[in-house]
PDB file of N, CA and C in Angstrom:
ATOM      1  N   UNK A   1      -3.275 -33.891   2.381  1.00  0.00           N
ATOM      2  CA  UNK A   1      -2.326 -33.142   1.568  1.00  0.00           C
ATOM      3  C   UNK A   1      -1.219 -32.644   2.485  1.00  0.00           C
ATOM      4  N   UNK A   2      -0.020 -33.068   2.216  1.00  0.00           N
ATOM      5  CA  UNK A   2       1.137 -32.673   3.013  1.00  0.00           C
ATOM      6  C   UNK A   2       1.649 -31.307   2.561  1.00  0.00           C
ATOM      7  N   UNK A   3       2.024 -30.463   3.510  1.00  0.00           N
ATOM      8  CA  UNK A   3       2.606 -29.173   3.124  1.00  0.00           C
ATOM      9  C   UNK A   3       3.999 -29.371   2.557  1.00  0.00           C
ATOM     10  N   UNK A   4       4.429 -28.432   1.720  1.00  0.00           N
ATOM     11  CA  UNK A   4       5.798 -28.493   1.232  1.00  0.00           C
ATOM     12  C   UNK A   4       6.714 -27.853   2.276  1.00  0.00           C
ATOM     13  N   UNK A   5       8.015 -27.881   2.039  1.00  0.00           N
ATOM     14  CA  UNK A   5       8.991 -27.401   3.024  1.00  0.00           C
ATOM     15  C   UNK A   5       8.850 -25.924   3.351  1.00  0.00           C
ATOM     16  N   UNK A   6       8.364 -25.133   2.418  1.00  0.00           N
ATOM     17  CA  UNK A   6       8.273 -23.695   2.636  1.00  0.00           C
ATOM     18  C   UNK A   6       6.836 -23.245   2.911  1.00  0.00           C
ATOM     19  N   UNK A   7       6.023 -24.161   3.423  1.00  0.00           N
ATOM     20  CA  UNK A   7       4.617 -23.856   3.644  1.00  0.00           C
ATOM     21  C   UNK A   7       4.265 -23.936   5.130  1.00  0.00           C
ATOM     22  N   UNK A   8       3.644 -22.891   5.610  1.00  0.00           N
ATOM     23  CA  UNK A   8       3.164 -22.862   6.988  1.00  0.00           C
ATOM     24  C   UNK A   8       1.705 -23.290   6.976  1.00  0.00           C
ATOM     25  N   UNK A   9       1.329 -24.192   7.894  1.00  0.00           N
ATOM     26  CA  UNK A   9      -0.042 -24.689   7.979  1.00  0.00           C
ATOM     27  C   UNK A   9      -0.720 -24.025   9.173  1.00  0.00           C
ATOM     28  N   UNK A  10      -1.871 -23.412   8.909  1.00  0.00           N
ATOM     29  CA  UNK A  10      -2.626 -22.714   9.935  1.00  0.00           C
ATOM     30  C   UNK A  10      -4.000 -23.361  10.064  1.00  0.00           C
ATOM     31  N   UNK A  11      -4.321 -23.832  11.263  1.00  0.00           N
ATOM     32  CA  UNK A  11      -5.657 -24.359  11.562  1.00  0.00           C
ATOM     33  C   UNK A  11      -6.470 -23.195  12.111  1.00  0.00           C
ATOM     34  N   UNK A  12      -7.439 -22.741  11.339  1.00  0.00           N
ATOM     35  CA  UNK A  12      -8.166 -21.535  11.736  1.00  0.00           C
ATOM     36  C   UNK A  12      -8.941 -21.709  13.032  1.00  0.00           C
ATOM     37  N   UNK A  13      -9.297 -22.925  13.378  1.00  0.00           N
ATOM     38  CA  UNK A  13     -10.010 -23.165  14.639  1.00  0.00           C
ATOM     39  C   UNK A  13      -9.144 -22.803  15.846  1.00  0.00           C
ATOM     40  N   UNK A  14      -7.832 -22.757  15.660  1.00  0.00           N
ATOM     41  CA  UNK A  14      -6.915 -22.411  16.749  1.00  0.00           C
ATOM     42  C   UNK A  14      -6.782 -20.900  16.958  1.00  0.00           C
ATOM     43  N   UNK A  15      -7.406 -20.096  16.093  1.00  0.00           N
ATOM     44  CA  UNK A  15      -7.296 -18.639  16.162  1.00  0.00           C
ATOM     45  C   UNK A  15      -8.636 -18.060  16.605  1.00  0.00           C
ATOM     46  N   UNK A  16      -8.586 -17.112  17.518  1.00  0.00           N
ATOM     47  CA  UNK A  16      -9.802 -16.417  17.968  1.00  0.00           C
ATOM     48  C   UNK A  16     -10.542 -15.874  16.743  1.00  0.00           C
ATOM     49  N   UNK A  17     -11.844 -16.151  16.627  1.00  0.00           N
ATOM     50  CA  UNK A  17     -12.603 -15.705  15.448  1.00  0.00           C
ATOM     51  C   UNK A  17     -12.509 -14.208  15.179  1.00  0.00           C
ATOM     52  N   UNK A  18     -12.369 -13.405  16.209  1.00  0.00           N
ATOM     53  CA  UNK A  18     -12.297 -11.954  16.031  1.00  0.00           C
ATOM     54  C   UNK A  18     -10.959 -11.509  15.448  1.00  0.00           C
ATOM     55  N   UNK A  19      -9.958 -12.375  15.499  1.00  0.00           N
ATOM     56  CA  UNK A  19      -8.604 -12.024  15.035  1.00  0.00           C
ATOM     57  C   UNK A  19      -8.197 -12.751  13.771  1.00  0.00           C
ATOM     58  N   UNK A  20      -8.972 -13.718  13.321  1.00  0.00           N
ATOM     59  CA  UNK A  20      -8.565 -14.591  12.210  1.00  0.00           C
ATOM     60  C   UNK A  20      -8.173 -13.831  10.951  1.00  0.00           C
ATOM     61  N   UNK A  21      -9.061 -12.971  10.479  1.00  0.00           N
ATOM     62  CA  UNK A  21      -8.806 -12.295   9.213  1.00  0.00           C
ATOM     63  C   UNK A  21      -7.544 -11.457   9.300  1.00  0.00           C
ATOM     64  N   UNK A  22      -7.355 -10.752  10.394  1.00  0.00           N
ATOM     65  CA  UNK A  22      -6.180  -9.903  10.557  1.00  0.00           C
ATOM     66  C   UNK A  22      -4.906 -10.734  10.596  1.00  0.00           C
ATOM     67  N   UNK A  23      -4.913 -11.803  11.375  1.00  0.00           N
ATOM     68  CA  UNK A  23      -3.727 -12.657  11.498  1.00  0.00           C
ATOM     69  C   UNK A  23      -3.392 -13.317  10.161  1.00  0.00           C
ATOM     70  N   UNK A  24      -4.396 -13.881   9.508  1.00  0.00           N
ATOM     71  CA  UNK A  24      -4.147 -14.553   8.232  1.00  0.00           C
ATOM     72  C   UNK A  24      -3.673 -13.564   7.169  1.00  0.00           C
ATOM     73  N   UNK A  25      -4.238 -12.382   7.167  1.00  0.00           N
ATOM     74  CA  UNK A  25      -3.827 -11.376   6.200  1.00  0.00           C
ATOM     75  C   UNK A  25      -2.375 -10.962   6.426  1.00  0.00           C
ATOM     76  N   UNK A  26      -1.979 -10.772   7.671  1.00  0.00           N
ATOM     77  CA  UNK A  26      -0.591 -10.389   7.965  1.00  0.00           C
ATOM     78  C   UNK A  26       0.379 -11.503   7.594  1.00  0.00           C
ATOM     79  N   UNK A  27       0.014 -12.743   7.895  1.00  0.00           N
ATOM     80  CA  UNK A  27       0.871 -13.869   7.512  1.00  0.00           C
ATOM     81  C   UNK A  27       1.027 -13.927   5.997  1.00  0.00           C
ATOM     82  N   UNK A  28      -0.079 -13.722   5.292  1.00  0.00           N
ATOM     83  CA  UNK A  28      -0.062 -13.751   3.834  1.00  0.00           C
ATOM     84  C   UNK A  28       0.834 -12.646   3.272  1.00  0.00           C
ATOM     85  N   UNK A  29       0.700 -11.433   3.802  1.00  0.00           N
ATOM     86  CA  UNK A  29       1.461 -10.287   3.309  1.00  0.00           C
ATOM     87  C   UNK A  29       2.968 -10.461   3.481  1.00  0.00           C
ATOM     88  N   UNK A  30       3.381 -11.310   4.412  1.00  0.00           N
ATOM     89  CA  UNK A  30       4.801 -11.507   4.671  1.00  0.00           C
ATOM     90  C   UNK A  30       5.377 -12.764   3.998  1.00  0.00           C
ATOM     91  N   UNK A  31       4.616 -13.362   3.093  1.00  0.00           N
ATOM     92  CA  UNK A  31       5.117 -14.527   2.368  1.00  0.00           C
ATOM     93  C   UNK A  31       6.201 -14.110   1.374  1.00  0.00           C
ATOM     94  N   UNK A  32       7.242 -14.902   1.309  1.00  0.00           N
ATOM     95  CA  UNK A  32       8.269 -14.733   0.283  1.00  0.00           C
ATOM     96  C   UNK A  32       7.772 -15.419  -0.994  1.00  0.00           C
ATOM     97  N   UNK A  33       8.387 -15.097  -2.141  1.00  0.00           N
ATOM     98  CA  UNK A  33       7.930 -15.695  -3.404  1.00  0.00           C
ATOM     99  C   UNK A  33       7.921 -17.218  -3.423  1.00  0.00           C
ATOM    100  N   UNK A  34       8.797 -17.860  -2.674  1.00  0.00           N
ATOM    101  CA  UNK A  34       8.861 -19.322  -2.690  1.00  0.00           C
ATOM    102  C   UNK A  34       8.074 -19.966  -1.553  1.00  0.00           C
ATOM    103  N   UNK A  35       7.303 -19.179  -0.815  1.00  0.00           N
ATOM    104  CA  UNK A  35       6.549 -19.701   0.321  1.00  0.00           C
ATOM    105  C   UNK A  35       5.054 -19.731   0.019  1.00  0.00           C
ATOM    106  N   UNK A  36       4.359 -20.546   0.782  1.00  0.00           N
ATOM    107  CA  UNK A  36       2.906 -20.578   0.694  1.00  0.00           C
ATOM    108  C   UNK A  36       2.352 -20.769   2.100  1.00  0.00           C
ATOM    109  N   UNK A  37       1.065 -20.534   2.209  1.00  0.00           N
ATOM    110  CA  UNK A  37       0.362 -20.649   3.467  1.00  0.00           C
ATOM    111  C   UNK A  37      -0.800 -21.606   3.242  1.00  0.00           C
ATOM    112  N   UNK A  38      -0.908 -22.635   4.069  1.00  0.00           N
ATOM    113  CA  UNK A  38      -2.008 -23.577   3.942  1.00  0.00           C
ATOM    114  C   UNK A  38      -2.981 -23.337   5.093  1.00  0.00           C
ATOM    115  N   UNK A  39      -4.226 -23.067   4.750  1.00  0.00           N
ATOM    116  CA  UNK A  39      -5.269 -22.825   5.734  1.00  0.00           C
ATOM    117  C   UNK A  39      -6.118 -24.088   5.838  1.00  0.00           C
ATOM    118  N   UNK A  40      -6.356 -24.528   7.073  1.00  0.00           N
ATOM    119  CA  UNK A  40      -7.184 -25.710   7.329  1.00  0.00           C
ATOM    120  C   UNK A  40      -8.404 -25.253   8.121  1.00  0.00           C
ATOM    121  N   UNK A  41      -9.594 -25.581   7.614  1.00  0.00           N
ATOM    122  CA  UNK A  41     -10.834 -25.156   8.264  1.00  0.00           C
ATOM    123  C   UNK A  41     -11.859 -26.287   8.236  1.00  0.00           C
ATOM    124  N   UNK A  42     -12.903 -26.127   9.040  1.00  0.00           N
ATOM    125  CA  UNK A  42     -13.973 -27.126   9.074  1.00  0.00           C
ATOM    126  C   UNK A  42     -15.156 -26.717   8.195  1.00  0.00           C
ATOM    127  N   UNK A  43     -14.966 -25.671   7.392  1.00  0.00           N
ATOM    128  CA  UNK A  43     -15.990 -25.177   6.468  1.00  0.00           C
ATOM    129  C   UNK A  43     -15.282 -24.474   5.306  1.00  0.00           C
ATOM    130  N   UNK A  44     -16.034 -24.197   4.265  1.00  0.00           N
ATOM    131  CA  UNK A  44     -15.475 -23.470   3.128  1.00  0.00           C
ATOM    132  C   UNK A  44     -15.314 -22.002   3.531  1.00  0.00           C
ATOM    133  N   UNK A  45     -14.081 -21.487   3.576  1.00  0.00           N
ATOM    134  CA  UNK A  45     -13.860 -20.104   4.003  1.00  0.00           C
ATOM    135  C   UNK A  45     -14.098 -19.092   2.877  1.00  0.00           C
ATOM    136  N   UNK A  46     -15.299 -19.109   2.305  1.00  0.00           N
ATOM    137  CA  UNK A  46     -15.636 -18.230   1.183  1.00  0.00           C
ATOM    138  C   UNK A  46     -15.527 -16.753   1.541  1.00  0.00           C
ATOM    139  N   UNK A  47     -15.986 -16.395   2.738  1.00  0.00           N
ATOM    140  CA  UNK A  47     -15.942 -14.996   3.141  1.00  0.00           C
ATOM    141  C   UNK A  47     -14.485 -14.510   3.242  1.00  0.00           C
ATOM    142  N   UNK A  48     -13.614 -15.364   3.756  1.00  0.00           N
ATOM    143  CA  UNK A  48     -12.202 -15.026   3.827  1.00  0.00           C
ATOM    144  C   UNK A  48     -11.632 -14.823   2.426  1.00  0.00           C
ATOM    145  N   UNK A  49     -12.033 -15.675   1.495  1.00  0.00           N
ATOM    146  CA  UNK A  49     -11.553 -15.526   0.114  1.00  0.00           C
ATOM    147  C   UNK A  49     -11.987 -14.188  -0.472  1.00  0.00           C
ATOM    148  N   UNK A  50     -13.228 -13.814  -0.239  1.00  0.00           N
ATOM    149  CA  UNK A  50     -13.717 -12.530  -0.743  1.00  0.00           C
ATOM    150  C   UNK A  50     -12.935 -11.364  -0.136  1.00  0.00           C
ATOM    151  N   UNK A  51     -12.622 -11.472   1.143  1.00  0.00           N
ATOM    152  CA  UNK A  51     -11.841 -10.429   1.808  1.00  0.00           C
ATOM    153  C   UNK A  51     -10.433 -10.347   1.223  1.00  0.00           C
ATOM    154  N   UNK A  52      -9.822 -11.500   0.981  1.00  0.00           N
ATOM    155  CA  UNK A  52      -8.482 -11.526   0.400  1.00  0.00           C
ATOM    156  C   UNK A  52      -8.497 -10.959  -1.017  1.00  0.00           C
ATOM    157  N   UNK A  53      -9.505 -11.311  -1.802  1.00  0.00           N
ATOM    158  CA  UNK A  53      -9.603 -10.785  -3.167  1.00  0.00           C
ATOM    159  C   UNK A  53      -9.804  -9.274  -3.151  1.00  0.00           C
ATOM    160  N   UNK A  54     -10.610  -8.774  -2.203  1.00  0.00           N
ATOM    161  CA  UNK A  54     -10.850  -7.332  -2.113  1.00  0.00           C
ATOM    162  C   UNK A  54      -9.583  -6.592  -1.684  1.00  0.00           C
ATOM    163  N   UNK A  55      -8.819  -7.191  -0.791  1.00  0.00           N
ATOM    164  CA  UNK A  55      -7.619  -6.547  -0.262  1.00  0.00           C
ATOM    165  C   UNK A  55      -6.415  -6.711  -1.185  1.00  0.00           C
ATOM    166  N   UNK A  56      -6.220  -7.904  -1.715  1.00  0.00           N
ATOM    167  CA  UNK A  56      -4.994  -8.224  -2.447  1.00  0.00           C
ATOM    168  C   UNK A  56      -5.195  -8.408  -3.949  1.00  0.00           C
ATOM    169  N   UNK A  57      -6.422  -8.455  -4.382  1.00  0.00           N
ATOM    170  CA  UNK A  57      -6.710  -8.598  -5.808  1.00  0.00           C
ATOM    171  C   UNK A  57      -6.077  -9.841  -6.413  1.00  0.00           C
ATOM    172  N   UNK A  58      -5.518  -9.680  -7.599  1.00  0.00           N
ATOM    173  CA  UNK A  58      -4.950 -10.818  -8.320  1.00  0.00           C
ATOM    174  C   UNK A  58      -3.613 -11.280  -7.743  1.00  0.00           C
ATOM    175  N   UNK A  59      -3.096 -10.562  -6.749  1.00  0.00           N
ATOM    176  CA  UNK A  59      -1.838 -10.983  -6.118  1.00  0.00           C
ATOM    177  C   UNK A  59      -2.041 -12.204  -5.242  1.00  0.00           C
ATOM    178  N   UNK A  60      -3.286 -12.529  -4.910  1.00  0.00           N
ATOM    179  CA  UNK A  60      -3.582 -13.681  -4.056  1.00  0.00           C
ATOM    180  C   UNK A  60      -3.935 -14.888  -4.922  1.00  0.00           C
ATOM    181  N   UNK A  61      -3.076 -15.897  -4.879  1.00  0.00           N
ATOM    182  CA  UNK A  61      -3.348 -17.154  -5.581  1.00  0.00           C
ATOM    183  C   UNK A  61      -3.975 -18.109  -4.566  1.00  0.00           C
ATOM    184  N   UNK A  62      -5.238 -18.427  -4.743  1.00  0.00           N
ATOM    185  CA  UNK A  62      -6.029 -19.227  -3.814  1.00  0.00           C
ATOM    186  C   UNK A  62      -6.326 -20.557  -4.486  1.00  0.00           C
ATOM    187  N   UNK A  63      -5.877 -21.672  -3.901  1.00  0.00           N
ATOM    188  CA  UNK A  63      -6.090 -22.997  -4.486  1.00  0.00           C
ATOM    189  C   UNK A  63      -6.689 -23.930  -3.447  1.00  0.00           C
ATOM    190  N   UNK A  64      -7.804 -24.561  -3.799  1.00  0.00           N
ATOM    191  CA  UNK A  64      -8.390 -25.561  -2.914  1.00  0.00           C
ATOM    192  C   UNK A  64      -7.604 -26.865  -3.052  1.00  0.00           C
ATOM    193  N   UNK A  65      -7.145 -27.388  -1.934  1.00  0.00           N
ATOM    194  CA  UNK A  65      -6.454 -28.669  -1.905  1.00  0.00           C
ATOM    195  C   UNK A  65      -7.401 -29.779  -1.477  1.00  0.00           C
ATOM    196  N   UNK A  66      -8.387 -29.418  -0.664  1.00  0.00           N
ATOM    197  CA  UNK A  66      -9.385 -30.368  -0.166  1.00  0.00           C
ATOM    198  C   UNK A  66     -10.672 -29.588   0.063  1.00  0.00           C
ATOM    199  N   UNK A  67     -11.802 -30.161  -0.407  1.00  0.00           N
ATOM    200  CA  UNK A  67     -13.075 -29.459  -0.318  1.00  0.00           C
ATOM    201  C   UNK A  67     -14.091 -30.271   0.471  1.00  0.00           C
ATOM    202  N   UNK A  68     -13.898 -30.344   1.782  1.00  0.00           N
ATOM    203  CA  UNK A  68     -14.865 -30.935   2.705  1.00  0.00           C
ATOM    204  C   UNK A  68     -15.188 -32.379   2.426  1.00  0.00           C
ATOM    205  N   UNK A  69     -16.195 -32.871   3.070  1.00  0.00           N
ATOM    206  CA  UNK A  69     -17.162 -32.113   3.859  1.00  0.00           C
ATOM    207  C   UNK A  69     -16.672 -31.771   5.274  1.00  0.00           C
ATOM    208  N   UNK A  70     -15.680 -32.486   5.780  1.00  0.00           N
ATOM    209  CA  UNK A  70     -15.237 -32.240   7.156  1.00  0.00           C
ATOM    210  C   UNK A  70     -14.033 -31.305   7.235  1.00  0.00           C
ATOM    211  N   UNK A  71     -13.180 -31.358   6.245  1.00  0.00           N
ATOM    212  CA  UNK A  71     -11.953 -30.556   6.251  1.00  0.00           C
ATOM    213  C   UNK A  71     -11.820 -29.825   4.920  1.00  0.00           C
ATOM    214  N   UNK A  72     -11.463 -28.558   5.024  1.00  0.00           N
ATOM    215  CA  UNK A  72     -11.188 -27.734   3.850  1.00  0.00           C
ATOM    216  C   UNK A  72      -9.746 -27.271   3.966  1.00  0.00           C
ATOM    217  N   UNK A  73      -8.974 -27.461   2.902  1.00  0.00           N
ATOM    218  CA  UNK A  73      -7.572 -27.025   2.873  1.00  0.00           C
ATOM    219  C   UNK A  73      -7.374 -26.108   1.675  1.00  0.00           C
ATOM    220  N   UNK A  74      -6.785 -24.965   1.961  1.00  0.00           N
ATOM    221  CA  UNK A  74      -6.552 -23.973   0.927  1.00  0.00           C
ATOM    222  C   UNK A  74      -5.094 -23.569   0.958  1.00  0.00           C
ATOM    223  N   UNK A  75      -4.483 -23.484  -0.210  1.00  0.00           N
ATOM    224  CA  UNK A  75      -3.100 -23.010  -0.312  1.00  0.00           C
ATOM    225  C   UNK A  75      -3.143 -21.579  -0.846  1.00  0.00           C
ATOM    226  N   UNK A  76      -2.461 -20.686  -0.140  1.00  0.00           N
ATOM    227  CA  UNK A  76      -2.363 -19.290  -0.551  1.00  0.00           C
ATOM    228  C   UNK A  76      -0.926 -18.976  -0.934  1.00  0.00           C
ATOM    229  N   UNK A  77      -0.784 -18.315  -2.071  1.00  0.00           N
ATOM    230  CA  UNK A  77       0.531 -17.842  -2.504  1.00  0.00           C
ATOM    231  C   UNK A  77       0.401 -16.375  -2.867  1.00  0.00           C
ATOM    232  N   UNK A  78       1.447 -15.619  -2.600  1.00  0.00           N
ATOM    233  CA  UNK A  78       1.481 -14.210  -2.951  1.00  0.00           C
ATOM    234  C   UNK A  78       2.162 -14.070  -4.302  1.00  0.00           C
ATOM    235  N   UNK A  79       1.387 -13.668  -5.303  1.00  0.00           N
ATOM    236  CA  UNK A  79       1.954 -13.474  -6.633  1.00  0.00           C
ATOM    237  C   UNK A  79       2.746 -12.172  -6.659  1.00  0.00           C
ATOM    238  N   UNK A  80       3.749 -12.090  -7.510  1.00  0.00           N
ATOM    239  CA  UNK A  80       4.526 -10.844  -7.622  1.00  0.00           C
ATOM    240  C   UNK A  80       3.643  -9.687  -8.067  1.00  0.00           C
ATOM    241  N   UNK A  81       3.968  -8.510  -7.605  1.00  0.00           N
ATOM    242  CA  UNK A  81       3.265  -7.298  -8.006  1.00  0.00           C
ATOM    243  C   UNK A  81       3.827  -6.853  -9.347  1.00  0.00           C
ATOM    244  N   UNK A  82       3.093  -7.080 -10.407  1.00  0.00           N
ATOM    245  CA  UNK A  82       3.568  -6.778 -11.763  1.00  0.00           C
ATOM    246  C   UNK A  82       3.673  -5.282 -12.007  1.00  0.00           C
ATOM    247  N   UNK A  83       2.901  -4.479 -11.301  1.00  0.00           N
ATOM    248  CA  UNK A  83       2.945  -3.026 -11.552  1.00  0.00           C
ATOM    249  C   UNK A  83       4.294  -2.439 -11.159  1.00  0.00           C
ATOM    250  N   UNK A  84       4.947  -2.992 -10.133  1.00  0.00           N
ATOM    251  CA  UNK A  84       6.242  -2.462  -9.712  1.00  0.00           C
ATOM    252  C   UNK A  84       7.337  -2.827 -10.723  1.00  0.00           C
ATOM    253  N   UNK A  85       7.106  -3.888 -11.507  1.00  0.00           N
ATOM    254  CA  UNK A  85       8.093  -4.283 -12.507  1.00  0.00           C
ATOM    255  C   UNK A  85       8.097  -3.318 -13.698  1.00  0.00           C
ATOM    256  N   UNK A  86       6.961  -2.673 -13.950  1.00  0.00           N
ATOM    257  CA  UNK A  86       6.823  -1.770 -15.091  1.00  0.00           C
ATOM    258  C   UNK A  86       7.418  -0.399 -14.804  1.00  0.00           C
ATOM    259  N   UNK A  87       7.521  -0.074 -13.550  1.00  0.00           N
ATOM    260  CA  UNK A  87       7.981   1.284 -13.177  1.00  0.00           C
ATOM    261  C   UNK A  87       9.472   1.452 -13.389  1.00  0.00           C
TER     262      UNK A  87
END
C-alpha cells in the first residue's frame, strides 16, 4: 500500500520501544485535516490502538491497510473535534 502525498510513513521498529507511544502520539496530535500517518509494524499494534482510543477517543480514525502475517499497516487520521464547532 503506497502512502498518499500527505502521509508520513513510520516504521515502528525504527523507534526505541520505550519512546514509541509518546512519539506516535505527538506525531498524530500534529496532523492537519488533510494529512494521515501510516504505521508499519511486524505485529498487530492492538495495545497502541487501545492507548490511542483512550487518549483521543473518536477523534482517532484507525484503518487497517494490511493485516499480517509479516507486515501490519495502519492509517491514522485525526478527525475534527466536533465539540469545538458547537461552542
